Amino acid sequence: MKQQIFFIALFVAAISYLSFPQSRTEMEIDSLLVNAKKGIYWGLMNIPVKKVKIEKSLIMNDKLIARVKVIKELNGIKIESTGYNNTNEMTITLFRSADSLIKEGYIKRGDLENYSSEE
């Protein structure tokens, strides 16, 4: 009986030890995703009206959390946000049409003419 309990405890300890690196990686990925999403939201709230492209770095508590690029495209925009956590980085690219930006309230219909291929 004692041997069975010992083997069960050893088995549980081995499984927890093996799953720890995976859960740590999962937490790092979640943190990267949160930081990259902060950049996406910043980009949506700061769509350039007169410029074709803007780039910003988001810093919190003396740490770089995201680098954001907002680029005008034909009939829409492209937002690239790279989230950082320690030495890791994750990039998300989001495309939005001018129609959906107007519908969601990020730009006004009068701003639509600024989204052309001539710029």
C-alpha atoms as a PDB file:
ATOM      1  CA  MET A   1       0.000   0.000   0.000  1.00  0.00           C
ATOM      2  CA  LYS A   2       2.778   2.434   0.919  1.00  0.00           C
ATOM      3  CA  GLN A   3       4.570   1.561  -2.319  1.00  0.00           C
ATOM      4  CA  GLN A   4       1.493   2.402  -4.373  1.00  0.00           C
ATOM      5  CA  ILE A   5       1.113   5.775  -2.664  1.00  0.00           C
ATOM      6  CA  PHE A   6       4.807   6.470  -3.252  1.00  0.00           C
ATOM      7  CA  PHE A   7       4.520   5.652  -6.975  1.00  0.00           C
ATOM      8  CA  ILE A   8       1.362   7.738  -7.336  1.00  0.00           C
ATOM      9  CA  ALA A   9       3.059  10.684  -5.615  1.00  0.00           C
ATOM     10  CA  LEU A  10       6.134  10.227  -7.816  1.00  0.00           C
ATOM     11  CA  PHE A  11       3.948  10.092 -10.934  1.00  0.00           C
ATOM     12  CA  VAL A  12       2.063  13.283  -9.958  1.00  0.00           C
ATOM     13  CA  ALA A  13       5.351  15.060  -9.213  1.00  0.00           C
ATOM     14  CA  ALA A  14       6.800  14.031 -12.584  1.00  0.00           C
ATOM     15  CA  ILE A  15       3.721  15.256 -14.468  1.00  0.00           C
ATOM     16  CA  SER A  16       3.747  18.604 -12.627  1.00  0.00           C
ATOM     17  CA  TYR A  17       7.457  19.023 -13.307  1.00  0.00           C
ATOM     18  CA  LEU A  18       6.981  18.308 -17.017  1.00  0.00           C
ATOM     19  CA  SER A  19       3.984  20.626 -17.377  1.00  0.00           C
ATOM     20  CA  PHE A  20       5.661  23.585 -15.607  1.00  0.00           C
ATOM     21  CA  PRO A  21       7.744  24.729 -18.612  1.00  0.00           C
ATOM     22  CA  GLN A  22       4.652  24.550 -20.812  1.00  0.00           C
ATOM     23  CA  SER A  23       2.568  26.628 -18.399  1.00  0.00           C
ATOM     24  CA  ARG A  24       5.408  29.172 -18.117  1.00  0.00           C
ATOM     25  CA  THR A  25       5.545  29.446 -21.914  1.00  0.00           C
ATOM     26  CA  GLU A  26       1.770  29.836 -22.004  1.00  0.00           C
ATOM     27  CA  MET A  27       1.961  32.700 -19.488  1.00  0.00           C
ATOM     28  CA  GLU A  28       4.678  34.410 -21.561  1.00  0.00           C
ATOM     29  CA  ILE A  29       2.565  34.099 -24.720  1.00  0.00           C
ATOM     30  CA  ASP A  30      -0.466  35.533 -22.905  1.00  0.00           C
ATOM     31  CA  SER A  31       1.607  38.503 -21.731  1.00  0.00           C
ATOM     32  CA  LEU A  32       2.950  39.096 -25.247  1.00  0.00           C
ATOM     33  CA  LEU A  33      -0.570  38.958 -26.669  1.00  0.00           C
ATOM     34  CA  VAL A  34      -1.874  41.459 -24.113  1.00  0.00           C
ATOM     35  CA  ASN A  35       0.942  43.899 -24.937  1.00  0.00           C
ATOM     36  CA  ALA A  36       0.464  43.508 -28.697  1.00  0.00           C
ATOM     37  CA  LYS A  37      -3.287  44.085 -28.279  1.00  0.00           C
ATOM     38  CA  LYS A  38      -2.572  47.315 -26.385  1.00  0.00           C
ATOM     39  CA  GLY A  39      -0.690  48.488 -29.471  1.00  0.00           C
ATOM     40  CA  ILE A  40      -3.584  47.496 -31.755  1.00  0.00           C
ATOM     41  CA  TYR A  41      -6.056  49.442 -29.634  1.00  0.00           C
ATOM     42  CA  TRP A  42      -3.724  52.452 -29.551  1.00  0.00           C
ATOM     43  CA  GLY A  43      -3.428  52.300 -33.348  1.00  0.00           C
ATOM     44  CA  LEU A  44      -7.190  52.187 -33.835  1.00  0.00           C
ATOM     45  CA  MET A  45      -7.627  55.227 -31.609  1.00  0.00           C
ATOM     46  CA  ASN A  46      -4.843  57.178 -33.373  1.00  0.00           C
ATOM     47  CA  ILE A  47      -5.491  56.684 -37.086  1.00  0.00           C
ATOM     48  CA  PRO A  48      -3.610  59.404 -38.966  1.00  0.00           C
ATOM     49  CA  VAL A  49      -5.751  61.807 -40.964  1.00  0.00           C
ATOM     50  CA  LYS A  50      -3.033  63.720 -42.786  1.00  0.00           C
ATOM     51  CA  LYS A  51      -0.049  61.374 -42.621  1.00  0.00           C
ATOM     52  CA  VAL A  52       0.336  58.128 -44.530  1.00  0.00           C
ATOM     53  CA  LYS A  53       2.142  56.337 -41.692  1.00  0.00           C
ATOM     54  CA  ILE A  54       2.815  56.779 -37.993  1.00  0.00           C
ATOM     55  CA  GLU A  55       5.016  54.756 -35.670  1.00  0.00           C
ATOM     56  CA  LYS A  56       5.018  54.844 -31.873  1.00  0.00           C
ATOM     57  CA  SER A  57       6.574  52.929 -28.999  1.00  0.00           C
ATOM     58  CA  LEU A  58       4.402  52.256 -25.963  1.00  0.00           C
ATOM     59  CA  ILE A  59       6.347  52.291 -22.695  1.00  0.00           C
ATOM     60  CA  MET A  60       5.036  51.361 -19.253  1.00  0.00           C
ATOM     61  CA  ASN A  61       7.042  51.240 -16.018  1.00  0.00           C
ATOM     62  CA  ASP A  62      10.300  51.955 -17.894  1.00  0.00           C
ATOM     63  CA  LYS A  63       9.749  48.925 -20.159  1.00  0.00           C
ATOM     64  CA  LEU A  64       8.924  48.768 -23.844  1.00  0.00           C
ATOM     65  CA  ILE A  65       5.616  46.935 -24.141  1.00  0.00           C
ATOM     66  CA  ALA A  66       4.752  47.517 -27.813  1.00  0.00           C
ATOM     67  CA  ARG A  67       5.814  49.147 -31.073  1.00  0.00           C
ATOM     68  CA  VAL A  68       2.977  50.196 -33.320  1.00  0.00           C
ATOM     69  CA  LYS A  69       2.827  51.135 -37.009  1.00  0.00           C
ATOM     70  CA  VAL A  70      -0.357  52.527 -38.528  1.00  0.00           C
ATOM     71  CA  ILE A  71      -0.172  52.620 -42.317  1.00  0.00           C
ATOM     72  CA  LYS A  72      -2.802  53.884 -44.735  1.00  0.00           C
ATOM     73  CA  GLU A  73      -3.695  51.436 -47.485  1.00  0.00           C
ATOM     74  CA  LEU A  74      -6.033  51.719 -50.442  1.00  0.00           C
ATOM     75  CA  ASN A  75      -9.528  51.999 -48.870  1.00  0.00           C
ATOM     76  CA  GLY A  76      -8.343  51.199 -45.358  1.00  0.00           C
ATOM     77  CA  ILE A  77      -5.473  50.863 -42.932  1.00  0.00           C
ATOM     78  CA  LYS A  78      -2.969  48.293 -41.719  1.00  0.00           C
ATOM     79  CA  ILE A  79      -1.889  48.198 -38.073  1.00  0.00           C
ATOM     80  CA  GLU A  80       1.212  46.259 -37.077  1.00  0.00           C
ATOM     81  CA  SER A  81       1.760  45.887 -33.357  1.00  0.00           C
ATOM     82  CA  THR A  82       4.710  44.072 -31.838  1.00  0.00           C
ATOM     83  CA  GLY A  83       4.246  43.223 -28.161  1.00  0.00           C
ATOM     84  CA  TYR A  84       7.293  42.707 -25.949  1.00  0.00           C
ATOM     85  CA  ASN A  85       7.866  40.828 -22.703  1.00  0.00           C
ATOM     86  CA  ASN A  86      11.404  40.325 -21.446  1.00  0.00           C
ATOM     87  CA  THR A  87      13.357  39.084 -24.486  1.00  0.00           C
ATOM     88  CA  ASN A  88      10.310  37.799 -26.375  1.00  0.00           C
ATOM     89  CA  GLU A  89       8.211  39.518 -29.015  1.00  0.00           C
ATOM     90  CA  MET A  90       4.976  38.816 -30.887  1.00  0.00           C
ATOM     91  CA  THR A  91       3.621  40.711 -33.911  1.00  0.00           C
ATOM     92  CA  ILE A  92      -0.049  41.082 -34.825  1.00  0.00           C
ATOM     93  CA  THR A  93      -1.127  42.626 -38.128  1.00  0.00           C
ATOM     94  CA  LEU A  94      -4.664  43.950 -38.422  1.00  0.00           C
ATOM     95  CA  PHE A  95      -6.347  45.223 -41.591  1.00  0.00           C
ATOM     96  CA  ARG A  96      -9.472  47.392 -41.483  1.00  0.00           C
ATOM     97  CA  SER A  97     -11.412  48.789 -44.430  1.00  0.00           C
ATOM     98  CA  ALA A  98     -12.460  52.420 -44.459  1.00  0.00           C
ATOM     99  CA  ASP A  99     -16.116  51.316 -44.423  1.00  0.00           C
ATOM    100  CA  SER A 100     -15.667  49.261 -41.244  1.00  0.00           C
ATOM    101  CA  LEU A 101     -13.660  52.076 -39.607  1.00  0.00           C
ATOM    102  CA  ILE A 102     -16.542  54.477 -40.320  1.00  0.00           C
ATOM    103  CA  LYS A 103     -19.118  51.941 -39.103  1.00  0.00           C
ATOM    104  CA  GLU A 104     -17.161  51.303 -35.874  1.00  0.00           C
ATOM    105  CA  GLY A 105     -16.689  55.051 -35.292  1.00  0.00           C
ATOM    106  CA  TYR A 106     -12.905  55.244 -35.660  1.00  0.00           C
ATOM    107  CA  ILE A 107     -13.070  57.735 -38.541  1.00  0.00           C
ATOM    108  CA  LYS A 108     -15.710  60.043 -40.000  1.00  0.00           C
ATOM    109  CA  ARG A 109     -17.109  59.839 -43.496  1.00  0.00           C
ATOM    110  CA  GLY A 110     -15.316  63.101 -44.358  1.00  0.00           C
ATOM    111  CA  ASP A 111     -11.980  61.415 -43.610  1.00  0.00           C
ATOM    112  CA  LEU A 112     -12.637  58.804 -46.300  1.00  0.00           C
ATOM    113  CA  GLU A 113     -11.149  60.959 -49.059  1.00  0.00           C
ATOM    114  CA  ASN A 114      -7.826  60.905 -47.223  1.00  0.00           C
ATOM    115  CA  TYR A 115      -7.606  57.147 -47.797  1.00  0.00           C
ATOM    116  CA  SER A 116      -6.506  56.967 -51.410  1.00  0.00           C
ATOM    117  CA  SER A 117      -3.796  55.252 -53.408  1.00  0.00           C
ATOM    118  CA  GLU A 118      -2.286  58.601 -54.411  1.00  0.00           C
ATOM    119  CA  GLU A 119      -0.619  59.175 -51.037  1.00  0.00           C
END
